[in-house]
């Protein structure tokens, strides 16, 4: 299965709580932190909901 690299590029401070929880659930903490996840419908949905906060690349 394909993997994607997700990097937090904007701060979740001041965002609605659901978006902050999504950032935490993906394993992102500080700015410019990155995680590599298996691409699935669930992960894609999470990324789409916070697309203005993250950068996504193929890993």
N, C-alpha and C. Protein backbone atom coordinates (compact mmCIF):
# COMPACT_ATOMS: atom_id res chain seq x y z
N UNK A 1 0.83 -1.18 0.00
CA UNK A 1 0.00 0.00 0.00
C UNK A 1 0.88 1.25 0.00
N UNK A 2 0.39 2.32 -0.56
CA UNK A 2 1.15 3.56 -0.64
C UNK A 2 1.22 4.24 0.72
N UNK A 3 2.31 4.95 0.94
CA UNK A 3 2.47 5.70 2.17
C UNK A 3 2.51 7.19 1.85
N UNK A 4 2.02 8.00 2.79
CA UNK A 4 2.07 9.45 2.62
C UNK A 4 2.77 10.07 3.82
N UNK A 5 3.48 11.15 3.56
CA UNK A 5 4.16 11.90 4.61
C UNK A 5 3.34 13.16 4.88
N UNK A 6 2.95 13.35 6.12
CA UNK A 6 2.11 14.48 6.51
C UNK A 6 2.94 15.38 7.41
N UNK A 7 3.03 16.67 7.05
CA UNK A 7 3.82 17.64 7.80
C UNK A 7 2.92 18.78 8.25
N UNK A 8 3.01 19.13 9.53
CA UNK A 8 2.23 20.25 10.08
C UNK A 8 2.95 21.55 9.73
N UNK A 9 2.30 22.42 8.95
CA UNK A 9 2.94 23.66 8.51
C UNK A 9 2.28 24.90 9.09
N UNK A 10 1.05 24.79 9.59
CA UNK A 10 0.38 25.91 10.24
C UNK A 10 -0.08 25.48 11.63
N UNK A 11 -0.14 26.42 12.54
CA UNK A 11 -0.49 26.12 13.93
C UNK A 11 -1.99 25.85 14.09
N UNK A 12 -2.35 24.86 14.91
CA UNK A 12 -3.76 24.61 15.20
C UNK A 12 -4.33 25.54 16.28
N UNK A 13 -3.50 26.44 16.81
CA UNK A 13 -3.98 27.37 17.83
C UNK A 13 -5.05 28.27 17.22
N UNK A 14 -6.17 28.40 17.90
CA UNK A 14 -7.26 29.24 17.43
C UNK A 14 -8.21 28.53 16.49
N UNK A 15 -7.95 27.27 16.18
CA UNK A 15 -8.84 26.48 15.31
C UNK A 15 -9.91 25.82 16.16
N UNK A 16 -10.92 25.29 15.51
CA UNK A 16 -11.98 24.63 16.26
C UNK A 16 -11.43 23.35 16.89
N UNK A 17 -11.99 22.94 18.03
CA UNK A 17 -11.45 21.78 18.75
C UNK A 17 -11.36 20.50 17.93
N UNK A 18 -12.29 20.27 17.03
CA UNK A 18 -12.24 19.06 16.21
C UNK A 18 -10.99 19.03 15.34
N UNK A 19 -10.57 20.18 14.83
CA UNK A 19 -9.36 20.23 14.01
C UNK A 19 -8.12 20.01 14.85
N UNK A 20 -8.10 20.55 16.07
CA UNK A 20 -6.96 20.33 16.96
C UNK A 20 -6.85 18.87 17.34
N UNK A 21 -7.98 18.22 17.58
CA UNK A 21 -7.97 16.79 17.93
C UNK A 21 -7.51 15.94 16.75
N UNK A 22 -7.87 16.35 15.54
CA UNK A 22 -7.44 15.62 14.35
C UNK A 22 -5.92 15.71 14.19
N UNK A 23 -5.35 16.88 14.44
CA UNK A 23 -3.90 17.05 14.37
C UNK A 23 -3.22 16.11 15.37
N UNK A 24 -3.73 16.06 16.60
CA UNK A 24 -3.18 15.18 17.63
C UNK A 24 -3.34 13.72 17.25
N UNK A 25 -4.50 13.36 16.70
CA UNK A 25 -4.78 11.96 16.34
C UNK A 25 -3.84 11.47 15.24
N UNK A 26 -3.39 12.37 14.38
CA UNK A 26 -2.44 11.99 13.34
C UNK A 26 -1.02 11.87 13.89
N UNK A 27 -0.81 12.30 15.13
CA UNK A 27 0.52 12.19 15.74
C UNK A 27 1.39 13.40 15.52
N UNK A 28 0.78 14.51 15.14
CA UNK A 28 1.53 15.74 14.91
C UNK A 28 1.50 16.61 16.15
N UNK A 29 2.63 17.16 16.53
CA UNK A 29 2.70 17.98 17.74
C UNK A 29 3.12 19.40 17.42
N UNK A 30 4.41 19.55 17.17
CA UNK A 30 4.96 20.87 16.92
C UNK A 30 4.95 21.19 15.43
N UNK A 31 5.13 22.46 15.11
CA UNK A 31 5.23 22.87 13.71
C UNK A 31 6.40 22.15 13.04
N UNK A 32 6.22 21.82 11.80
CA UNK A 32 7.20 21.12 10.97
C UNK A 32 7.45 19.69 11.41
N UNK A 33 6.62 19.16 12.32
CA UNK A 33 6.75 17.74 12.64
C UNK A 33 6.08 16.93 11.54
N UNK A 34 6.61 15.73 11.29
CA UNK A 34 6.11 14.90 10.19
C UNK A 34 5.84 13.49 10.68
N UNK A 35 4.87 12.84 10.04
CA UNK A 35 4.60 11.43 10.27
C UNK A 35 4.39 10.76 8.92
N UNK A 36 4.70 9.48 8.86
CA UNK A 36 4.46 8.69 7.65
C UNK A 36 3.36 7.70 7.99
N UNK A 37 2.29 7.73 7.22
CA UNK A 37 1.12 6.87 7.45
C UNK A 37 0.79 6.11 6.18
N UNK A 38 0.17 4.94 6.37
CA UNK A 38 -0.37 4.19 5.24
C UNK A 38 -1.56 4.97 4.69
N UNK A 39 -1.65 5.07 3.39
CA UNK A 39 -2.76 5.79 2.78
C UNK A 39 -4.02 4.93 2.84
N UNK A 40 -5.06 5.48 3.45
CA UNK A 40 -6.35 4.81 3.54
C UNK A 40 -7.43 5.88 3.49
N UNK A 41 -8.66 5.44 3.38
CA UNK A 41 -9.78 6.38 3.31
C UNK A 41 -9.89 7.18 4.61
N UNK A 42 -9.64 6.54 5.73
CA UNK A 42 -9.73 7.22 7.03
C UNK A 42 -8.67 8.32 7.16
N UNK A 43 -7.44 7.98 6.80
CA UNK A 43 -6.35 8.96 6.88
C UNK A 43 -6.58 10.09 5.89
N UNK A 44 -7.02 9.77 4.67
CA UNK A 44 -7.31 10.81 3.68
C UNK A 44 -8.40 11.76 4.17
N UNK A 45 -9.42 11.22 4.82
CA UNK A 45 -10.49 12.06 5.36
C UNK A 45 -9.99 12.99 6.44
N UNK A 46 -9.12 12.48 7.30
CA UNK A 46 -8.54 13.32 8.35
C UNK A 46 -7.69 14.44 7.74
N UNK A 47 -6.89 14.08 6.75
CA UNK A 47 -6.03 15.08 6.09
C UNK A 47 -6.87 16.12 5.38
N UNK A 48 -7.95 15.70 4.73
CA UNK A 48 -8.81 16.65 4.02
C UNK A 48 -9.47 17.64 4.97
N UNK A 49 -9.77 17.20 6.19
CA UNK A 49 -10.44 18.10 7.14
C UNK A 49 -9.49 19.16 7.69
N UNK A 50 -8.18 18.91 7.63
CA UNK A 50 -7.21 19.90 8.11
C UNK A 50 -6.21 20.24 7.01
N UNK A 51 -6.67 20.23 5.77
CA UNK A 51 -5.77 20.46 4.63
C UNK A 51 -5.10 21.83 4.67
N UNK A 52 -5.73 22.80 5.33
CA UNK A 52 -5.15 24.14 5.42
C UNK A 52 -4.02 24.21 6.46
N UNK A 53 -3.83 23.14 7.24
CA UNK A 53 -2.80 23.13 8.27
C UNK A 53 -1.61 22.23 7.93
N UNK A 54 -1.78 21.34 6.95
CA UNK A 54 -0.76 20.34 6.68
C UNK A 54 -0.31 20.35 5.22
N UNK A 55 0.85 19.74 4.99
CA UNK A 55 1.37 19.51 3.65
C UNK A 55 1.52 18.00 3.49
N UNK A 56 1.06 17.47 2.36
CA UNK A 56 1.07 16.03 2.14
C UNK A 56 1.95 15.69 0.95
N UNK A 57 2.81 14.69 1.12
CA UNK A 57 3.69 14.22 0.05
C UNK A 57 3.64 12.71 0.01
N UNK A 58 3.96 12.15 -1.15
CA UNK A 58 4.12 10.69 -1.26
C UNK A 58 5.43 10.31 -0.57
N UNK A 59 5.41 9.22 0.17
CA UNK A 59 6.63 8.81 0.88
C UNK A 59 7.28 7.63 0.19
